[in-house]
PDB file of all heavy atoms in Angstrom:
ATOM      1  N   GLU A   1       2.033  10.751   4.853  1.00  0.00           N
ATOM      2  CA  GLU A   1       1.407  12.079   4.849  1.00  0.00           C
ATOM      3  C   GLU A   1       1.701  12.823   6.145  1.00  0.00           C
ATOM      4  O   GLU A   1       2.000  14.016   6.131  1.00  0.00           O
ATOM      5  CB  GLU A   1      -0.103  11.949   4.654  1.00  0.00           C
ATOM      6  CG  GLU A   1      -0.502  11.585   3.248  1.00  0.00           C
ATOM      7  CD  GLU A   1      -2.005  11.366   3.100  1.00  0.00           C
ATOM      8  OE1 GLU A   1      -2.775  11.817   3.986  1.00  0.00           O
ATOM      9  OE2 GLU A   1      -2.405  10.723   2.108  1.00  0.00           O
ATOM     10  N   GLU A   2       1.638  12.106   7.255  1.00  0.00           N
ATOM     11  CA  GLU A   2       1.913  12.740   8.541  1.00  0.00           C
ATOM     12  C   GLU A   2       3.352  13.205   8.641  1.00  0.00           C
ATOM     13  O   GLU A   2       3.636  14.295   9.153  1.00  0.00           O
ATOM     14  CB  GLU A   2       1.588  11.772   9.677  1.00  0.00           C
ATOM     15  CG  GLU A   2       1.733  12.391  11.047  1.00  0.00           C
ATOM     16  CD  GLU A   2       1.261  11.482  12.167  1.00  0.00           C
ATOM     17  OE1 GLU A   2       0.514  10.526  11.916  1.00  0.00           O
ATOM     18  OE2 GLU A   2       1.656  11.751  13.319  1.00  0.00           O
ATOM     19  N   LEU A   3       4.281  12.378   8.146  1.00  0.00           N
ATOM     20  CA  LEU A   3       5.702  12.733   8.204  1.00  0.00           C
ATOM     21  C   LEU A   3       6.085  13.737   7.121  1.00  0.00           C
ATOM     22  O   LEU A   3       7.101  14.427   7.245  1.00  0.00           O
ATOM     23  CB  LEU A   3       6.557  11.476   8.081  1.00  0.00           C
ATOM     24  CG  LEU A   3       6.432  10.475   9.224  1.00  0.00           C
ATOM     25  CD1 LEU A   3       7.189   9.194   8.896  1.00  0.00           C
ATOM     26  CD2 LEU A   3       6.923  11.076  10.535  1.00  0.00           C
ATOM     27  N   GLY A   4       5.318  13.767   6.041  1.00  0.00           N
ATOM     28  CA  GLY A   4       5.614  14.697   4.952  1.00  0.00           C
ATOM     29  C   GLY A   4       6.712  14.238   4.022  1.00  0.00           C
ATOM     30  O   GLY A   4       7.251  15.045   3.262  1.00  0.00           O
ATOM     31  N   VAL A   5       7.055  12.956   4.073  1.00  0.00           N
ATOM     32  CA  VAL A   5       8.092  12.407   3.191  1.00  0.00           C
ATOM     33  C   VAL A   5       7.688  10.998   2.747  1.00  0.00           C
ATOM     34  O   VAL A   5       7.030  10.277   3.492  1.00  0.00           O
ATOM     35  CB  VAL A   5       9.474  12.327   3.887  1.00  0.00           C
ATOM     36  CG1 VAL A   5      10.006  13.696   4.223  1.00  0.00           C
ATOM     37  CG2 VAL A   5       9.424  11.464   5.133  1.00  0.00           C
ATOM     38  N   PRO A   6       8.099  10.598   1.535  1.00  0.00           N
ATOM     39  CA  PRO A   6       7.863   9.205   1.137  1.00  0.00           C
ATOM     40  C   PRO A   6       8.857   8.292   1.848  1.00  0.00           C
ATOM     41  O   PRO A   6      10.036   8.623   2.000  1.00  0.00           O
ATOM     42  CB  PRO A   6       8.093   9.213  -0.375  1.00  0.00           C
ATOM     43  CG  PRO A   6       8.976  10.377  -0.630  1.00  0.00           C
ATOM     44  CD  PRO A   6       8.681  11.386   0.459  1.00  0.00           C
ATOM     45  N   LEU A   7       8.357   7.158   2.323  1.00  0.00           N
ATOM     46  CA  LEU A   7       9.218   6.203   3.018  1.00  0.00           C
ATOM     47  C   LEU A   7       9.651   5.060   2.118  1.00  0.00           C
ATOM     48  O   LEU A   7      10.631   4.377   2.410  1.00  0.00           O
ATOM     49  CB  LEU A   7       8.473   5.657   4.248  1.00  0.00           C
ATOM     50  CG  LEU A   7       8.080   6.707   5.293  1.00  0.00           C
ATOM     51  CD1 LEU A   7       7.182   6.090   6.352  1.00  0.00           C
ATOM     52  CD2 LEU A   7       9.309   7.328   5.915  1.00  0.00           C
ATOM     53  N   PHE A   8       8.915   4.852   1.020  1.00  0.00           N
ATOM     54  CA  PHE A   8       9.199   3.757   0.096  1.00  0.00           C
ATOM     55  C   PHE A   8       9.196   4.247  -1.341  1.00  0.00           C
ATOM     56  O   PHE A   8       8.415   5.131  -1.702  1.00  0.00           O
ATOM     57  CB  PHE A   8       8.129   2.648   0.203  1.00  0.00           C
ATOM     58  CG  PHE A   8       8.115   1.931   1.515  1.00  0.00           C
ATOM     59  CD1 PHE A   8       7.229   2.306   2.515  1.00  0.00           C
ATOM     60  CD2 PHE A   8       8.981   0.868   1.752  1.00  0.00           C
ATOM     61  CE1 PHE A   8       7.203   1.638   3.727  1.00  0.00           C
ATOM     62  CE2 PHE A   8       8.958   0.204   2.962  1.00  0.00           C
ATOM     63  CZ  PHE A   8       8.071   0.590   3.957  1.00  0.00           C
ATOM     64  N   HIS A   9      10.073   3.634  -2.145  1.00  0.00           N
ATOM     65  CA  HIS A   9       9.969   3.713  -3.602  1.00  0.00           C
ATOM     66  C   HIS A   9       9.091   2.529  -3.971  1.00  0.00           C
ATOM     67  O   HIS A   9       9.396   1.394  -3.606  1.00  0.00           O
ATOM     68  CB  HIS A   9      11.331   3.556  -4.295  1.00  0.00           C
ATOM     69  CG  HIS A   9      12.283   4.679  -4.032  1.00  0.00           C
ATOM     70  ND1 HIS A   9      12.093   5.951  -4.529  1.00  0.00           N
ATOM     71  CD2 HIS A   9      13.443   4.717  -3.331  1.00  0.00           C
ATOM     72  CE1 HIS A   9      13.095   6.722  -4.140  1.00  0.00           C
ATOM     73  NE2 HIS A   9      13.929   6.000  -3.403  1.00  0.00           N
ATOM     74  N   ARG A  10       8.017   2.799  -4.668  1.00  0.00           N
ATOM     75  CA  ARG A  10       7.094   1.723  -5.026  1.00  0.00           C
ATOM     76  C   ARG A  10       7.341   1.328  -6.474  1.00  0.00           C
ATOM     77  O   ARG A  10       7.114   2.110  -7.385  1.00  0.00           O
ATOM     78  CB  ARG A  10       5.658   2.169  -4.803  1.00  0.00           C
ATOM     79  CG  ARG A  10       5.323   2.275  -3.316  1.00  0.00           C
ATOM     80  CD  ARG A  10       4.098   3.144  -3.070  1.00  0.00           C
ATOM     81  NE  ARG A  10       3.667   3.115  -1.682  1.00  0.00           N
ATOM     82  CZ  ARG A  10       4.167   3.887  -0.732  1.00  0.00           C
ATOM     83  NH1 ARG A  10       5.143   4.722  -0.998  1.00  0.00           N
ATOM     84  NH2 ARG A  10       3.708   3.809   0.504  1.00  0.00           N
ATOM     85  N   GLY A  11       7.796   0.082  -6.673  1.00  0.00           N
ATOM     86  CA  GLY A  11       8.023  -0.452  -8.006  1.00  0.00           C
ATOM     87  C   GLY A  11       6.924  -1.423  -8.380  1.00  0.00           C
ATOM     88  O   GLY A  11       5.916  -1.549  -7.687  1.00  0.00           O
ATOM     89  N   ASN A  12       7.128  -2.138  -9.485  1.00  0.00           N
ATOM     90  CA  ASN A  12       6.117  -3.089  -9.943  1.00  0.00           C
ATOM     91  C   ASN A  12       5.944  -4.257  -8.983  1.00  0.00           C
ATOM     92  O   ASN A  12       4.841  -4.654  -8.670  1.00  0.00           O
ATOM     93  CB  ASN A  12       6.470  -3.617 -11.341  1.00  0.00           C
ATOM     94  CG  ASN A  12       6.295  -2.535 -12.385  1.00  0.00           C
ATOM     95  OD1 ASN A  12       5.594  -1.560 -12.161  1.00  0.00           O
ATOM     96  ND2 ASN A  12       6.937  -2.710 -13.531  1.00  0.00           N
ATOM     97  N   SER A  13       7.040  -4.830  -8.529  1.00  0.00           N
ATOM     98  CA  SER A  13       6.917  -6.043  -7.716  1.00  0.00           C
ATOM     99  C   SER A  13       7.473  -5.884  -6.304  1.00  0.00           C
ATOM    100  O   SER A  13       7.084  -6.633  -5.416  1.00  0.00           O
ATOM    101  CB  SER A  13       7.631  -7.213  -8.412  1.00  0.00           C
ATOM    102  OG  SER A  13       9.004  -6.900  -8.552  1.00  0.00           O
ATOM    103  N   ARG A  14       8.387  -4.951  -6.115  1.00  0.00           N
ATOM    104  CA  ARG A  14       9.006  -4.801  -4.796  1.00  0.00           C
ATOM    105  C   ARG A  14       8.982  -3.366  -4.337  1.00  0.00           C
ATOM    106  O   ARG A  14       8.878  -2.446  -5.132  1.00  0.00           O
ATOM    107  CB  ARG A  14      10.456  -5.292  -4.840  1.00  0.00           C
ATOM    108  CG  ARG A  14      10.573  -6.802  -4.903  1.00  0.00           C
ATOM    109  CD  ARG A  14      12.015  -7.243  -4.763  1.00  0.00           C
ATOM    110  NE  ARG A  14      12.604  -6.839  -3.513  1.00  0.00           N
ATOM    111  CZ  ARG A  14      12.932  -7.665  -2.530  1.00  0.00           C
ATOM    112  NH1 ARG A  14      12.730  -8.941  -2.668  1.00  0.00           N
ATOM    113  NH2 ARG A  14      13.494  -7.218  -1.436  1.00  0.00           N
ATOM    114  N   LEU A  15       9.124  -3.235  -3.055  1.00  0.00           N
ATOM    115  CA  LEU A  15       9.259  -1.919  -2.448  1.00  0.00           C
ATOM    116  C   LEU A  15      10.724  -1.719  -2.082  1.00  0.00           C
ATOM    117  O   LEU A  15      11.453  -2.683  -1.848  1.00  0.00           O
ATOM    118  CB  LEU A  15       8.412  -1.829  -1.182  1.00  0.00           C
ATOM    119  CG  LEU A  15       6.911  -1.974  -1.350  1.00  0.00           C
ATOM    120  CD1 LEU A  15       6.244  -2.088   0.020  1.00  0.00           C
ATOM    121  CD2 LEU A  15       6.352  -0.792  -2.102  1.00  0.00           C
ATOM    122  N   LYS A  16      11.128  -0.473  -2.023  1.00  0.00           N
ATOM    123  CA  LYS A  16      12.481  -0.148  -1.582  1.00  0.00           C
ATOM    124  C   LYS A  16      12.384   1.070  -0.680  1.00  0.00           C
ATOM    125  O   LYS A  16      11.645   2.001  -0.971  1.00  0.00           O
ATOM    126  CB  LYS A  16      13.377   0.138  -2.787  1.00  0.00           C
ATOM    127  CG  LYS A  16      14.802   0.421  -2.412  1.00  0.00           C
ATOM    128  CD  LYS A  16      15.666   0.682  -3.615  1.00  0.00           C
ATOM    129  CE  LYS A  16      17.061   1.039  -3.142  1.00  0.00           C
ATOM    130  NZ  LYS A  16      17.897   1.510  -4.229  1.00  0.00           N
ATOM    131  N   LEU A  17      13.105   1.031   0.422  1.00  0.00           N
ATOM    132  CA  LEU A  17      13.109   2.172   1.336  1.00  0.00           C
ATOM    133  C   LEU A  17      13.791   3.372   0.697  1.00  0.00           C
ATOM    134  O   LEU A  17      14.831   3.236   0.041  1.00  0.00           O
ATOM    135  CB  LEU A  17      13.831   1.823   2.639  1.00  0.00           C
ATOM    136  CG  LEU A  17      13.085   0.926   3.618  1.00  0.00           C
ATOM    137  CD1 LEU A  17      14.020   0.460   4.723  1.00  0.00           C
ATOM    138  CD2 LEU A  17      11.894   1.644   4.209  1.00  0.00           C
ATOM    139  N   THR A  18      13.217   4.539   0.902  1.00  0.00           N
ATOM    140  CA  THR A  18      13.877   5.776   0.505  1.00  0.00           C
ATOM    141  C   THR A  18      14.916   6.109   1.571  1.00  0.00           C
ATOM    142  O   THR A  18      14.927   5.491   2.649  1.00  0.00           O
ATOM    143  CB  THR A  18      12.851   6.936   0.430  1.00  0.00           C
ATOM    144  OG1 THR A  18      12.325   7.160   1.745  1.00  0.00           O
ATOM    145  CG2 THR A  18      11.728   6.629  -0.557  1.00  0.00           C
ATOM    146  N   PRO A  19      15.796   7.057   1.320  1.00  0.00           N
ATOM    147  CA  PRO A  19      16.718   7.470   2.387  1.00  0.00           C
ATOM    148  C   PRO A  19      15.961   7.917   3.652  1.00  0.00           C
ATOM    149  O   PRO A  19      16.378   7.605   4.768  1.00  0.00           O
ATOM    150  CB  PRO A  19      17.502   8.630   1.761  1.00  0.00           C
ATOM    151  CG  PRO A  19      17.505   8.308   0.298  1.00  0.00           C
ATOM    152  CD  PRO A  19      16.148   7.702   0.041  1.00  0.00           C
ATOM    153  N   ALA A  20      14.834   8.598   3.483  1.00  0.00           N
ATOM    154  CA  ALA A  20      14.028   8.999   4.643  1.00  0.00           C
ATOM    155  C   ALA A  20      13.475   7.758   5.344  1.00  0.00           C
ATOM    156  O   ALA A  20      13.430   7.692   6.575  1.00  0.00           O
ATOM    157  CB  ALA A  20      12.894   9.918   4.205  1.00  0.00           C
ATOM    158  N   GLY A  21      13.058   6.762   4.560  1.00  0.00           N
ATOM    159  CA  GLY A  21      12.536   5.517   5.122  1.00  0.00           C
ATOM    160  C   GLY A  21      13.584   4.776   5.931  1.00  0.00           C
ATOM    161  O   GLY A  21      13.294   4.235   6.996  1.00  0.00           O
ATOM    162  N   GLU A  22      14.809   4.740   5.411  1.00  0.00           N
ATOM    163  CA  GLU A  22      15.898   4.075   6.140  1.00  0.00           C
ATOM    164  C   GLU A  22      16.181   4.789   7.453  1.00  0.00           C
ATOM    165  O   GLU A  22      16.383   4.145   8.487  1.00  0.00           O
ATOM    166  CB  GLU A  22      17.149   4.016   5.268  1.00  0.00           C
ATOM    167  CG  GLU A  22      17.008   3.047   4.115  1.00  0.00           C
ATOM    168  CD  GLU A  22      18.250   2.975   3.244  1.00  0.00           C
ATOM    169  OE1 GLU A  22      19.341   3.376   3.703  1.00  0.00           O
ATOM    170  OE2 GLU A  22      18.121   2.509   2.106  1.00  0.00           O
ATOM    171  N   ALA A  23      16.170   6.112   7.430  1.00  0.00           N
ATOM    172  CA  ALA A  23      16.415   6.878   8.664  1.00  0.00           C
ATOM    173  C   ALA A  23      15.269   6.675   9.651  1.00  0.00           C
ATOM    174  O   ALA A  23      15.503   6.484  10.849  1.00  0.00           O
ATOM    175  CB  ALA A  23      16.584   8.358   8.345  1.00  0.00           C
ATOM    176  N   PHE A  24      14.034   6.671   9.142  1.00  0.00           N
ATOM    177  CA  PHE A  24      12.878   6.528  10.038  1.00  0.00           C
ATOM    178  C   PHE A  24      12.789   5.115  10.606  1.00  0.00           C
ATOM    179  O   PHE A  24      12.297   4.928  11.714  1.00  0.00           O
ATOM    180  CB  PHE A  24      11.588   6.895   9.293  1.00  0.00           C
ATOM    181  CG  PHE A  24      10.394   6.945  10.193  1.00  0.00           C
ATOM    182  CD1 PHE A  24      10.276   7.930  11.163  1.00  0.00           C
ATOM    183  CD2 PHE A  24       9.391   6.002  10.088  1.00  0.00           C
ATOM    184  CE1 PHE A  24       9.182   7.971  12.008  1.00  0.00           C
ATOM    185  CE2 PHE A  24       8.292   6.035  10.925  1.00  0.00           C
ATOM    186  CZ  PHE A  24       8.187   7.029  11.890  1.00  0.00           C
ATOM    187  N   LEU A  25      13.268   4.122   9.883  1.00  0.00           N
ATOM    188  CA  LEU A  25      13.204   2.732  10.339  1.00  0.00           C
ATOM    189  C   LEU A  25      13.916   2.565  11.683  1.00  0.00           C
ATOM    190  O   LEU A  25      13.393   1.897  12.583  1.00  0.00           O
ATOM    191  CB  LEU A  25      13.804   1.790   9.290  1.00  0.00           C
ATOM    192  CG  LEU A  25      13.794   0.304   9.624  1.00  0.00           C
ATOM    193  CD1 LEU A  25      12.374  -0.196   9.870  1.00  0.00           C
ATOM    194  CD2 LEU A  25      14.454  -0.477   8.483  1.00  0.00           C
ATOM    195  N   ALA A  26      15.067   3.165  11.845  1.00  0.00           N
ATOM    196  CA  ALA A  26      15.790   3.071  13.117  1.00  0.00           C
ATOM    197  C   ALA A  26      14.968   3.680  14.252  1.00  0.00           C
ATOM    198  O   ALA A  26      14.880   3.110  15.346  1.00  0.00           O
ATOM    199  CB  ALA A  26      17.143   3.760  13.006  1.00  0.00           C
ATOM    200  N   HIS A  27      14.347   4.819  13.992  1.00  0.00           N
ATOM    201  CA  HIS A  27      13.515   5.457  15.013  1.00  0.00           C
ATOM    202  C   HIS A  27      12.289   4.609  15.336  1.00  0.00           C
ATOM    203  O   HIS A  27      11.913   4.459  16.509  1.00  0.00           O
ATOM    204  CB  HIS A  27      13.069   6.843  14.548  1.00  0.00           C
ATOM    205  CG  HIS A  27      14.182   7.835  14.446  1.00  0.00           C
ATOM    206  ND1 HIS A  27      14.848   8.341  15.544  1.00  0.00           N
ATOM    207  CD2 HIS A  27      14.749   8.411  13.356  1.00  0.00           C
ATOM    208  CE1 HIS A  27      15.769   9.186  15.143  1.00  0.00           C
ATOM    209  NE2 HIS A  27      15.737   9.252  13.826  1.00  0.00           N
ATOM    210  N   ALA A  28      11.661   4.061  14.309  1.00  0.00           N
ATOM    211  CA  ALA A  28      10.456   3.252  14.513  1.00  0.00           C
ATOM    212  C   ALA A  28      10.771   2.017  15.347  1.00  0.00           C
ATOM    213  O   ALA A  28      10.023   1.674  16.279  1.00  0.00           O
ATOM    214  CB  ALA A  28       9.850   2.854  13.170  1.00  0.00           C
ATOM    215  N   ARG A  29      11.862   1.344  15.028  1.00  0.00           N
ATOM    216  CA  ARG A  29      12.247   0.161  15.803  1.00  0.00           C
ATOM    217  C   ARG A  29      12.533   0.528  17.253  1.00  0.00           C
ATOM    218  O   ARG A  29      12.143  -0.190  18.180  1.00  0.00           O
ATOM    219  CB  ARG A  29      13.472  -0.505  15.175  1.00  0.00           C
ATOM    220  CG  ARG A  29      13.139  -1.281  13.937  1.00  0.00           C
ATOM    221  CD  ARG A  29      14.366  -1.933  13.347  1.00  0.00           C
ATOM    222  NE  ARG A  29      13.997  -2.827  12.267  1.00  0.00           N
ATOM    223  CZ  ARG A  29      14.777  -3.124  11.238  1.00  0.00           C
ATOM    224  NH1 ARG A  29      16.000  -2.608  11.167  1.00  0.00           N
ATOM    225  NH2 ARG A  29      14.363  -3.938  10.305  1.00  0.00           N
ATOM    226  N   ASP A  30      13.211   1.644  17.462  1.00  0.00           N
ATOM    227  CA  ASP A  30      13.520   2.079  18.824  1.00  0.00           C
ATOM    228  C   ASP A  30      12.244   2.418  19.587  1.00  0.00           C
ATOM    229  O   ASP A  30      12.094   2.032  20.756  1.00  0.00           O
ATOM    230  CB  ASP A  30      14.460   3.286  18.790  1.00  0.00           C
ATOM    231  CG  ASP A  30      14.889   3.715  20.183  1.00  0.00           C
ATOM    232  OD1 ASP A  30      15.410   2.866  20.942  1.00  0.00           O
ATOM    233  OD2 ASP A  30      14.678   4.899  20.520  1.00  0.00           O
ATOM    234  N   LEU A  31      11.321   3.113  18.961  1.00  0.00           N
ATOM    235  CA  LEU A  31      10.058   3.453  19.629  1.00  0.00           C
ATOM    236  C   LEU A  31       9.254   2.207  19.980  1.00  0.00           C
ATOM    237  O   LEU A  31       8.690   2.112  21.070  1.00  0.00           O
ATOM    238  CB  LEU A  31       9.231   4.381  18.745  1.00  0.00           C
ATOM    239  CG  LEU A  31       9.753   5.805  18.630  1.00  0.00           C
ATOM    240  CD1 LEU A  31       9.052   6.542  17.496  1.00  0.00           C
ATOM    241  CD2 LEU A  31       9.592   6.544  19.944  1.00  0.00           C
ATOM    242  N   LEU A  32       9.205   1.236  19.079  1.00  0.00           N
ATOM    243  CA  LEU A  32       8.483  -0.009  19.366  1.00  0.00           C
ATOM    244  C   LEU A  32       9.146  -0.779  20.500  1.00  0.00           C
ATOM    245  O   LEU A  32       8.470  -1.313  21.379  1.00  0.00           O
ATOM    246  CB  LEU A  32       8.389  -0.872  18.109  1.00  0.00           C
ATOM    247  CG  LEU A  32       7.447  -0.344  17.028  1.00  0.00           C
ATOM    248  CD1 LEU A  32       7.579  -1.178  15.757  1.00  0.00           C
ATOM    249  CD2 LEU A  32       6.009  -0.333  17.527  1.00  0.00           C
ATOM    250  N   ARG A  33      10.477  -0.826  20.486  1.00  0.00           N
ATOM    251  CA  ARG A  33      11.206  -1.515  21.559  1.00  0.00           C
ATOM    252  C   ARG A  33      10.920  -0.841  22.892  1.00  0.00           C
ATOM    253  O   ARG A  33      10.608  -1.507  23.889  1.00  0.00           O
ATOM    254  CB  ARG A  33      12.709  -1.506  21.275  1.00  0.00           C
ATOM    255  CG  ARG A  33      13.558  -2.172  22.374  1.00  0.00           C
ATOM    256  CD  ARG A  33      15.054  -1.954  22.162  1.00  0.00           C
ATOM    257  NE  ARG A  33      15.424  -0.556  22.050  1.00  0.00           N
ATOM    258  CZ  ARG A  33      15.540   0.289  23.088  1.00  0.00           C
ATOM    259  NH1 ARG A  33      15.288  -0.121  24.306  1.00  0.00           N
ATOM    260  NH2 ARG A  33      15.902   1.539  22.898  1.00  0.00           N
ATOM    261  N   ARG A  34      10.966   0.477  22.921  1.00  0.00           N
ATOM    262  CA  ARG A  34      10.735   1.211  24.167  1.00  0.00           C
ATOM    263  C   ARG A  34       9.288   1.073  24.636  1.00  0.00           C
ATOM    264  O   ARG A  34       9.033   0.972  25.839  1.00  0.00           O
ATOM    265  CB  ARG A  34      11.130   2.671  23.991  1.00  0.00           C
ATOM    266  CG  ARG A  34      12.655   2.798  23.877  1.00  0.00           C
ATOM    267  CD  ARG A  34      13.149   4.173  23.550  1.00  0.00           C
ATOM    268  NE  ARG A  34      12.554   5.215  24.365  1.00  0.00           N
ATOM    269  CZ  ARG A  34      12.492   6.482  23.991  1.00  0.00           C
ATOM    270  NH1 ARG A  34      12.981   6.853  22.833  1.00  0.00           N
ATOM    271  NH2 ARG A  34      11.943   7.377  24.779  1.00  0.00           N
ATOM    272  N   SER A  35       8.335   1.033  23.715  1.00  0.00           N
ATOM    273  CA  SER A  35       6.940   0.860  24.132  1.00  0.00           C
ATOM    274  C   SER A  35       6.723  -0.540  24.702  1.00  0.00           C
ATOM    275  O   SER A  35       5.987  -0.707  25.677  1.00  0.00           O
ATOM    276  CB  SER A  35       5.979   1.135  22.977  1.00  0.00           C
ATOM    277  OG  SER A  35       6.055   0.135  21.995  1.00  0.00           O
ATOM    278  N   ASN A  36       7.385  -1.552  24.127  1.00  0.00           N
ATOM    279  CA  ASN A  36       7.295  -2.916  24.682  1.00  0.00           C
ATOM    280  C   ASN A  36       7.898  -2.982  26.072  1.00  0.00           C
ATOM    281  O   ASN A  36       7.363  -3.640  26.961  1.00  0.00           O
ATOM    282  CB  ASN A  36       7.972  -3.923  23.755  1.00  0.00           C
ATOM    283  CG  ASN A  36       7.165  -4.191  22.507  1.00  0.00           C
ATOM    284  OD1 ASN A  36       5.947  -4.044  22.489  1.00  0.00           O
ATOM    285  ND2 ASN A  36       7.841  -4.589  21.449  1.00  0.00           N
ATOM    286  N   GLU A  37       9.016  -2.302  26.268  1.00  0.00           N
ATOM    287  CA  GLU A  37       9.635  -2.272  27.595  1.00  0.00           C
ATOM    288  C   GLU A  37       8.722  -1.596  28.611  1.00  0.00           C
ATOM    289  O   GLU A  37       8.607  -2.043  29.756  1.00  0.00           O
ATOM    290  CB  GLU A  37      10.981  -1.544  27.539  1.00  0.00           C
ATOM    291  CG  GLU A  37      12.065  -2.330  26.833  1.00  0.00           C
ATOM    292  CD  GLU A  37      13.344  -1.525  26.631  1.00  0.00           C
ATOM    293  OE1 GLU A  37      13.387  -0.315  27.000  1.00  0.00           O
ATOM    294  OE2 GLU A  37      14.303  -2.096  26.077  1.00  0.00           O
TER     295      GLU A  37
END
């Protein structure tokens, strides 16, 4: 809701990243790495 885009396709048993989710994943990992540093 905050980002304004769906990050996952929600299926019956598994989740799948949307294209927006795949793009955001790189940013999220980088932000977490930088906050740990």
